Amino acid sequence: MSQENVEVVRSIYNAFAQRDGVTPFKHYAPDIEWESRGGLGVVAGSVYHGHDGVNALFHDVLQAFREFEFRPLELTAVGAHVLVTVHEHALGRTSGVVVDGRHYAVWTLRNGMVTRVCVYPDHSDALKAVGLKE
């Protein structure tokens, strides 16, 4: 199941890249929880619930940035989780400031559906979240 989870998460990132806003929701559980510990256009500590919450999250990001790209660099299966190292690149909507960096996302899946996503600015925190050490 671990490799299947990786493929589900990979397909979601591919959909993001294609600006497909429908396909990811086919993989999100109705009660999905999305937490940000820091990242593009999202206040650290923000938690979004359900499909409406995830839509609100992306609305927040789109308000802050006129362009953005999330490119997965590495996807690692760890039990029910997929740890993703993500290159993020964005252009501020009003400031024009370029943001270029990395974040680490822990995706949790149950029966092929994403139940939780937590985004970390720090790799060691993401590793701890899935029970691994650097």
N, C-alpha and C. Protein backbone atom coordinates (compact mmCIF):
# COMPACT_ATOMS: atom_id res chain seq x y z
N MET A 1 0.82 -1.20 0.00
CA MET A 1 0.00 0.00 0.00
C MET A 1 0.86 1.26 0.00
N SER A 2 2.07 1.18 0.52
CA SER A 2 2.93 2.37 0.62
C SER A 2 3.21 2.98 -0.75
N GLN A 3 3.56 2.13 -1.74
CA GLN A 3 3.84 2.66 -3.07
C GLN A 3 2.56 3.23 -3.70
N GLU A 4 1.44 2.61 -3.42
CA GLU A 4 0.16 3.15 -3.91
C GLU A 4 -0.09 4.53 -3.33
N ASN A 5 0.23 4.72 -2.05
CA ASN A 5 0.08 6.04 -1.42
C ASN A 5 0.96 7.07 -2.10
N VAL A 6 2.19 6.67 -2.42
CA VAL A 6 3.11 7.57 -3.12
C VAL A 6 2.51 7.99 -4.46
N GLU A 7 1.93 7.04 -5.17
CA GLU A 7 1.36 7.35 -6.48
C GLU A 7 0.14 8.27 -6.36
N VAL A 8 -0.67 8.10 -5.32
CA VAL A 8 -1.80 9.02 -5.10
C VAL A 8 -1.28 10.43 -4.88
N VAL A 9 -0.29 10.57 -4.01
CA VAL A 9 0.25 11.91 -3.71
C VAL A 9 0.91 12.49 -4.96
N ARG A 10 1.64 11.69 -5.69
CA ARG A 10 2.28 12.17 -6.93
C ARG A 10 1.22 12.68 -7.91
N SER A 11 0.11 11.95 -8.01
CA SER A 11 -0.95 12.37 -8.95
C SER A 11 -1.56 13.71 -8.53
N ILE A 12 -1.62 13.97 -7.22
CA ILE A 12 -2.14 15.25 -6.74
C ILE A 12 -1.19 16.38 -7.12
N TYR A 13 0.11 16.19 -6.93
CA TYR A 13 1.07 17.21 -7.34
C TYR A 13 1.03 17.44 -8.85
N ASN A 14 0.87 16.36 -9.61
CA ASN A 14 0.76 16.50 -11.07
C ASN A 14 -0.48 17.32 -11.43
N ALA A 15 -1.57 17.08 -10.74
CA ALA A 15 -2.80 17.85 -10.99
C ALA A 15 -2.58 19.32 -10.65
N PHE A 16 -1.91 19.60 -9.52
CA PHE A 16 -1.59 21.00 -9.17
C PHE A 16 -0.81 21.66 -10.32
N ALA A 17 0.18 20.94 -10.83
CA ALA A 17 1.03 21.50 -11.89
C ALA A 17 0.23 21.82 -13.14
N GLN A 18 -0.82 21.04 -13.38
CA GLN A 18 -1.67 21.26 -14.56
C GLN A 18 -2.81 22.24 -14.27
N ARG A 19 -2.82 22.81 -13.05
CA ARG A 19 -3.88 23.72 -12.60
C ARG A 19 -5.25 23.02 -12.63
N ASP A 20 -5.22 21.73 -12.34
CA ASP A 20 -6.43 20.91 -12.26
C ASP A 20 -6.93 20.97 -10.82
N GLY A 21 -8.00 21.69 -10.58
CA GLY A 21 -8.55 21.84 -9.24
C GLY A 21 -9.58 20.80 -8.88
N VAL A 22 -9.83 19.85 -9.77
CA VAL A 22 -10.86 18.83 -9.52
C VAL A 22 -10.26 17.52 -9.06
N THR A 23 -9.25 17.04 -9.77
CA THR A 23 -8.67 15.72 -9.48
C THR A 23 -8.21 15.54 -8.04
N PRO A 24 -7.51 16.52 -7.43
CA PRO A 24 -7.08 16.28 -6.05
C PRO A 24 -8.23 15.95 -5.10
N PHE A 25 -9.37 16.58 -5.31
CA PHE A 25 -10.49 16.36 -4.39
C PHE A 25 -11.07 14.96 -4.50
N LYS A 26 -10.77 14.27 -5.57
CA LYS A 26 -11.18 12.85 -5.69
C LYS A 26 -10.39 11.98 -4.72
N HIS A 27 -9.25 12.50 -4.27
CA HIS A 27 -8.36 11.75 -3.37
C HIS A 27 -8.42 12.23 -1.93
N TYR A 28 -9.12 13.34 -1.67
CA TYR A 28 -9.23 13.88 -0.32
C TYR A 28 -10.44 13.28 0.38
N ALA A 29 -10.23 12.77 1.59
CA ALA A 29 -11.36 12.31 2.40
C ALA A 29 -12.24 13.52 2.72
N PRO A 30 -13.54 13.32 2.87
CA PRO A 30 -14.42 14.45 3.18
C PRO A 30 -14.01 15.21 4.45
N ASP A 31 -13.40 14.49 5.41
CA ASP A 31 -13.00 15.11 6.67
C ASP A 31 -11.50 15.42 6.73
N ILE A 32 -10.89 15.62 5.56
CA ILE A 32 -9.45 15.93 5.51
C ILE A 32 -9.12 17.11 6.42
N GLU A 33 -7.93 17.03 7.02
CA GLU A 33 -7.41 18.14 7.83
C GLU A 33 -6.09 18.55 7.21
N TRP A 34 -5.92 19.84 6.96
CA TRP A 34 -4.70 20.37 6.36
C TRP A 34 -4.13 21.42 7.30
N GLU A 35 -2.94 21.15 7.80
CA GLU A 35 -2.30 22.05 8.76
C GLU A 35 -1.02 22.61 8.17
N SER A 36 -0.79 23.89 8.43
CA SER A 36 0.44 24.52 7.98
C SER A 36 1.23 24.98 9.19
N ARG A 37 2.46 24.53 9.25
CA ARG A 37 3.38 25.01 10.28
C ARG A 37 4.24 26.13 9.71
N GLY A 38 3.88 26.58 8.51
CA GLY A 38 4.58 27.65 7.81
C GLY A 38 4.68 27.31 6.34
N GLY A 39 4.57 28.30 5.50
CA GLY A 39 4.66 28.07 4.05
C GLY A 39 4.06 29.21 3.29
N LEU A 40 3.97 29.06 1.99
CA LEU A 40 3.53 30.12 1.10
C LEU A 40 2.14 30.64 1.44
N GLY A 41 2.05 31.91 1.78
CA GLY A 41 0.78 32.58 1.92
C GLY A 41 -0.13 32.08 3.02
N VAL A 42 0.39 31.24 3.90
CA VAL A 42 -0.43 30.64 4.94
C VAL A 42 0.21 30.94 6.29
N VAL A 43 -0.59 31.39 7.22
CA VAL A 43 -0.10 31.70 8.56
C VAL A 43 0.26 30.39 9.27
N ALA A 44 1.44 30.34 9.86
CA ALA A 44 1.85 29.15 10.61
C ALA A 44 0.83 28.87 11.70
N GLY A 45 0.46 27.62 11.84
CA GLY A 45 -0.53 27.22 12.83
C GLY A 45 -1.94 27.17 12.27
N SER A 46 -2.10 27.52 10.99
CA SER A 46 -3.42 27.46 10.36
C SER A 46 -3.81 26.01 10.13
N VAL A 47 -5.09 25.71 10.42
CA VAL A 47 -5.62 24.37 10.18
C VAL A 47 -6.92 24.52 9.39
N TYR A 48 -7.02 23.77 8.32
CA TYR A 48 -8.19 23.80 7.45
C TYR A 48 -8.86 22.43 7.50
N HIS A 49 -10.20 22.44 7.54
CA HIS A 49 -10.95 21.19 7.69
C HIS A 49 -11.88 20.96 6.52
N GLY A 50 -11.91 19.72 6.05
CA GLY A 50 -12.83 19.33 4.99
C GLY A 50 -12.49 19.95 3.65
N HIS A 51 -13.29 19.59 2.64
CA HIS A 51 -13.06 20.11 1.29
C HIS A 51 -13.19 21.63 1.25
N ASP A 52 -14.16 22.18 2.00
CA ASP A 52 -14.31 23.64 2.03
C ASP A 52 -13.07 24.30 2.61
N GLY A 53 -12.49 23.67 3.62
CA GLY A 53 -11.29 24.21 4.23
C GLY A 53 -10.10 24.20 3.27
N VAL A 54 -9.94 23.11 2.53
CA VAL A 54 -8.84 23.03 1.56
C VAL A 54 -9.05 24.08 0.46
N ASN A 55 -10.28 24.27 0.03
CA ASN A 55 -10.56 25.33 -0.95
C ASN A 55 -10.18 26.69 -0.37
N ALA A 56 -10.47 26.94 0.89
CA ALA A 56 -10.11 28.20 1.54
C ALA A 56 -8.60 28.37 1.60
N LEU A 57 -7.88 27.29 1.88
CA LEU A 57 -6.42 27.32 1.90
C LEU A 57 -5.88 27.80 0.56
N PHE A 58 -6.35 27.19 -0.52
CA PHE A 58 -5.83 27.57 -1.82
C PHE A 58 -6.29 28.96 -2.23
N HIS A 59 -7.43 29.37 -1.78
CA HIS A 59 -7.88 30.75 -1.99
C HIS A 59 -6.90 31.71 -1.32
N ASP A 60 -6.49 31.40 -0.08
CA ASP A 60 -5.53 32.23 0.65
C ASP A 60 -4.20 32.33 -0.12
N VAL A 61 -3.72 31.20 -0.64
CA VAL A 61 -2.47 31.19 -1.39
C VAL A 61 -2.61 32.02 -2.66
N LEU A 62 -3.72 31.85 -3.36
CA LEU A 62 -3.93 32.59 -4.61
C LEU A 62 -4.08 34.09 -4.36
N GLN A 63 -4.58 34.47 -3.19
CA GLN A 63 -4.68 35.89 -2.85
C GLN A 63 -3.30 36.50 -2.65
N ALA A 64 -2.39 35.72 -2.09
CA ALA A 64 -1.06 36.23 -1.77
C ALA A 64 -0.09 36.21 -2.96
N PHE A 65 -0.29 35.28 -3.88
CA PHE A 65 0.67 35.09 -4.97
C PHE A 65 -0.02 35.06 -6.32
N ARG A 66 0.59 35.76 -7.28
CA ARG A 66 0.01 35.73 -8.63
C ARG A 66 0.51 34.52 -9.40
N GLU A 67 1.64 34.00 -9.01
CA GLU A 67 2.18 32.77 -9.60
C GLU A 67 2.70 31.91 -8.47
N PHE A 68 2.47 30.61 -8.57
CA PHE A 68 3.12 29.73 -7.61
C PHE A 68 3.25 28.34 -8.22
N GLU A 69 4.28 27.64 -7.75
CA GLU A 69 4.56 26.29 -8.22
C GLU A 69 5.06 25.48 -7.04
N PHE A 70 4.51 24.28 -6.90
CA PHE A 70 5.00 23.31 -5.92
C PHE A 70 5.49 22.11 -6.71
N ARG A 71 6.78 21.81 -6.63
CA ARG A 71 7.34 20.68 -7.37
C ARG A 71 7.92 19.68 -6.38
N PRO A 72 7.36 18.46 -6.36
CA PRO A 72 7.91 17.45 -5.44
C PRO A 72 9.29 17.00 -5.90
N LEU A 73 10.24 17.05 -4.99
CA LEU A 73 11.60 16.62 -5.29
C LEU A 73 11.84 15.18 -4.87
N GLU A 74 11.22 14.80 -3.77
CA GLU A 74 11.40 13.44 -3.24
C GLU A 74 10.13 13.04 -2.51
N LEU A 75 9.64 11.83 -2.80
CA LEU A 75 8.48 11.28 -2.12
C LEU A 75 8.91 9.98 -1.46
N THR A 76 8.69 9.87 -0.15
CA THR A 76 9.12 8.71 0.62
C THR A 76 7.94 8.13 1.37
N ALA A 77 7.67 6.85 1.14
CA ALA A 77 6.60 6.16 1.86
C ALA A 77 7.10 5.76 3.24
N VAL A 78 6.29 6.07 4.26
CA VAL A 78 6.60 5.69 5.63
C VAL A 78 5.28 5.23 6.26
N GLY A 79 5.00 3.93 6.15
CA GLY A 79 3.74 3.41 6.67
C GLY A 79 2.56 4.05 5.96
N ALA A 80 1.66 4.64 6.72
CA ALA A 80 0.46 5.30 6.17
C ALA A 80 0.76 6.72 5.70
N HIS A 81 2.02 7.14 5.79
CA HIS A 81 2.40 8.51 5.44
C HIS A 81 3.25 8.54 4.18
N VAL A 82 3.21 9.69 3.51
CA VAL A 82 4.14 9.98 2.43
C VAL A 82 4.79 11.32 2.79
N LEU A 83 6.11 11.28 2.93
CA LEU A 83 6.89 12.48 3.23
C LEU A 83 7.40 13.04 1.91
N VAL A 84 7.09 14.31 1.65
CA VAL A 84 7.46 14.93 0.38
C VAL A 84 8.32 16.15 0.63
N THR A 85 9.47 16.19 -0.03
CA THR A 85 10.29 17.38 -0.07
C THR A 85 9.83 18.16 -1.29
N VAL A 86 9.42 19.42 -1.05
CA VAL A 86 8.79 20.21 -2.10
C VAL A 86 9.58 21.49 -2.36
N HIS A 87 9.88 21.72 -3.63
CA HIS A 87 10.44 23.00 -4.05
C HIS A 87 9.27 23.93 -4.29
N GLU A 88 9.30 25.09 -3.65
CA GLU A 88 8.23 26.06 -3.84
C GLU A 88 8.81 27.31 -4.49
N HIS A 89 8.07 27.82 -5.45
CA HIS A 89 8.49 29.03 -6.16
C HIS A 89 7.23 29.86 -6.37
N ALA A 90 7.30 31.15 -6.01
CA ALA A 90 6.12 31.99 -6.13
C ALA A 90 6.53 33.44 -6.35
N LEU A 91 5.55 34.20 -6.84
CA LEU A 91 5.73 35.62 -7.07
C LEU A 91 4.62 36.35 -6.35
N GLY A 92 5.00 37.23 -5.41
CA GLY A 92 4.02 37.95 -4.61
C GLY A 92 3.06 38.76 -5.47
N ARG A 93 1.79 38.70 -5.15
CA ARG A 93 0.76 39.38 -5.95
C ARG A 93 0.95 40.89 -5.95
N THR A 94 1.13 41.49 -4.79
CA THR A 94 1.26 42.95 -4.74
C THR A 94 2.71 43.40 -4.63
N SER A 95 3.54 42.63 -3.95
CA SER A 95 4.93 43.04 -3.72
C SER A 95 5.85 42.72 -4.89
N GLY A 96 5.51 41.69 -5.66
CA GLY A 96 6.40 41.24 -6.73
C GLY A 96 7.60 40.48 -6.22
N VAL A 97 7.65 40.23 -4.92
CA VAL A 97 8.77 39.51 -4.32
C VAL A 97 8.74 38.04 -4.75
N VAL A 98 9.91 37.53 -5.11
CA VAL A 98 10.05 36.13 -5.48
C VAL A 98 10.35 35.32 -4.23
N VAL A 99 9.59 34.26 -4.04
CA VAL A 99 9.83 33.32 -2.95
C VAL A 99 10.31 32.03 -3.59
N ASP A 100 11.44 31.54 -3.13
CA ASP A 100 12.00 30.32 -3.69
C ASP A 100 12.61 29.53 -2.55
N GLY A 101 12.10 28.36 -2.29
CA GLY A 101 12.63 27.57 -1.19
C GLY A 101 12.05 26.17 -1.16
N ARG A 102 12.08 25.59 0.03
CA ARG A 102 11.57 24.23 0.21
C ARG A 102 10.65 24.19 1.41
N HIS A 103 9.73 23.26 1.34
CA HIS A 103 8.97 22.88 2.53
C HIS A 103 8.82 21.37 2.48
N TYR A 104 8.33 20.81 3.57
CA TYR A 104 8.23 19.36 3.72
C TYR A 104 6.80 19.04 4.12
N ALA A 105 6.16 18.20 3.34
CA ALA A 105 4.76 17.88 3.58
C ALA A 105 4.63 16.42 3.98
N VAL A 106 3.86 16.19 5.04
CA VAL A 106 3.55 14.83 5.47
C VAL A 106 2.08 14.58 5.12
N TRP A 107 1.88 13.66 4.20
CA TRP A 107 0.54 13.27 3.75
C TRP A 107 0.18 11.97 4.45
N THR A 108 -0.99 11.91 5.05
CA THR A 108 -1.46 10.69 5.71
C THR A 108 -2.65 10.17 4.91
N LEU A 109 -2.60 8.87 4.60
CA LEU A 109 -3.66 8.26 3.80
C LEU A 109 -4.27 7.07 4.53
N ARG A 110 -5.55 6.87 4.27
CA ARG A 110 -6.27 5.70 4.79
C ARG A 110 -7.14 5.19 3.64
N ASN A 111 -6.97 3.92 3.31
CA ASN A 111 -7.73 3.30 2.22
C ASN A 111 -7.62 4.11 0.93
N GLY A 112 -6.43 4.62 0.64
CA GLY A 112 -6.19 5.34 -0.60
C GLY A 112 -6.68 6.78 -0.63
N MET A 113 -7.22 7.26 0.50
CA MET A 113 -7.73 8.63 0.58
C MET A 113 -6.85 9.45 1.52
N VAL A 114 -6.59 10.70 1.15
CA VAL A 114 -5.80 11.60 1.99
C VAL A 114 -6.68 12.09 3.14
N THR A 115 -6.25 11.80 4.37
CA THR A 115 -7.00 12.22 5.55
C THR A 115 -6.37 13.42 6.24
N ARG A 116 -5.06 13.62 6.00
CA ARG A 116 -4.38 14.73 6.67
C ARG A 116 -3.14 15.11 5.88
N VAL A 117 -2.87 16.41 5.86
CA VAL A 117 -1.63 16.94 5.30
C VAL A 117 -1.10 17.94 6.32
N CYS A 118 0.18 17.83 6.62
CA CYS A 118 0.81 18.82 7.50
C CYS A 118 2.08 19.30 6.79
N VAL A 119 2.20 20.62 6.66
CA VAL A 119 3.33 21.24 5.98
C VAL A 119 4.28 21.83 7.02
N TYR A 120 5.55 21.46 6.89
CA TYR A 120 6.58 21.90 7.82
C TYR A 120 7.65 22.69 7.07
N PRO A 121 8.14 23.79 7.65
CA PRO A 121 9.26 24.50 7.03
C PRO A 121 10.60 23.81 7.29
N ASP A 122 10.64 22.93 8.30
CA ASP A 122 11.88 22.31 8.74
C ASP A 122 11.85 20.80 8.50
N HIS A 123 12.87 20.28 7.83
CA HIS A 123 12.95 18.86 7.50
C HIS A 123 12.94 17.97 8.74
N SER A 124 13.66 18.36 9.77
CA SER A 124 13.75 17.51 10.96
C SER A 124 12.38 17.36 11.63
N ASP A 125 11.56 18.41 11.61
CA ASP A 125 10.22 18.31 12.19
C ASP A 125 9.34 17.35 11.39
N ALA A 126 9.47 17.39 10.07
CA ALA A 126 8.70 16.47 9.22
C ALA A 126 9.14 15.03 9.46
N LEU A 127 10.45 14.81 9.60
CA LEU A 127 10.95 13.47 9.87
C LEU A 127 10.40 12.94 11.21
N LYS A 128 10.43 13.79 12.23
CA LYS A 128 9.91 13.39 13.54
C LYS A 128 8.43 13.03 13.45
N ALA A 129 7.68 13.76 12.63
CA ALA A 129 6.24 13.53 12.50
C ALA A 129 5.93 12.13 11.97
N VAL A 130 6.84 11.55 11.21
CA VAL A 130 6.62 10.21 10.68
C VAL A 130 7.46 9.16 11.42
N GLY A 131 8.10 9.58 12.51
CA GLY A 131 8.85 8.64 13.35
C GLY A 131 10.25 8.34 12.87
N LEU A 132 10.83 9.22 12.08
CA LEU A 132 12.19 9.02 11.59
C LEU A 132 13.14 10.06 12.20
N LYS A 133 14.43 9.76 12.12
CA LYS A 133 15.47 10.69 12.57
C LYS A 133 16.34 11.05 11.39
N GLU A 134 17.01 12.20 11.52
CA GLU A 134 17.92 12.62 10.43
C GLU A 134 19.10 11.72 10.35
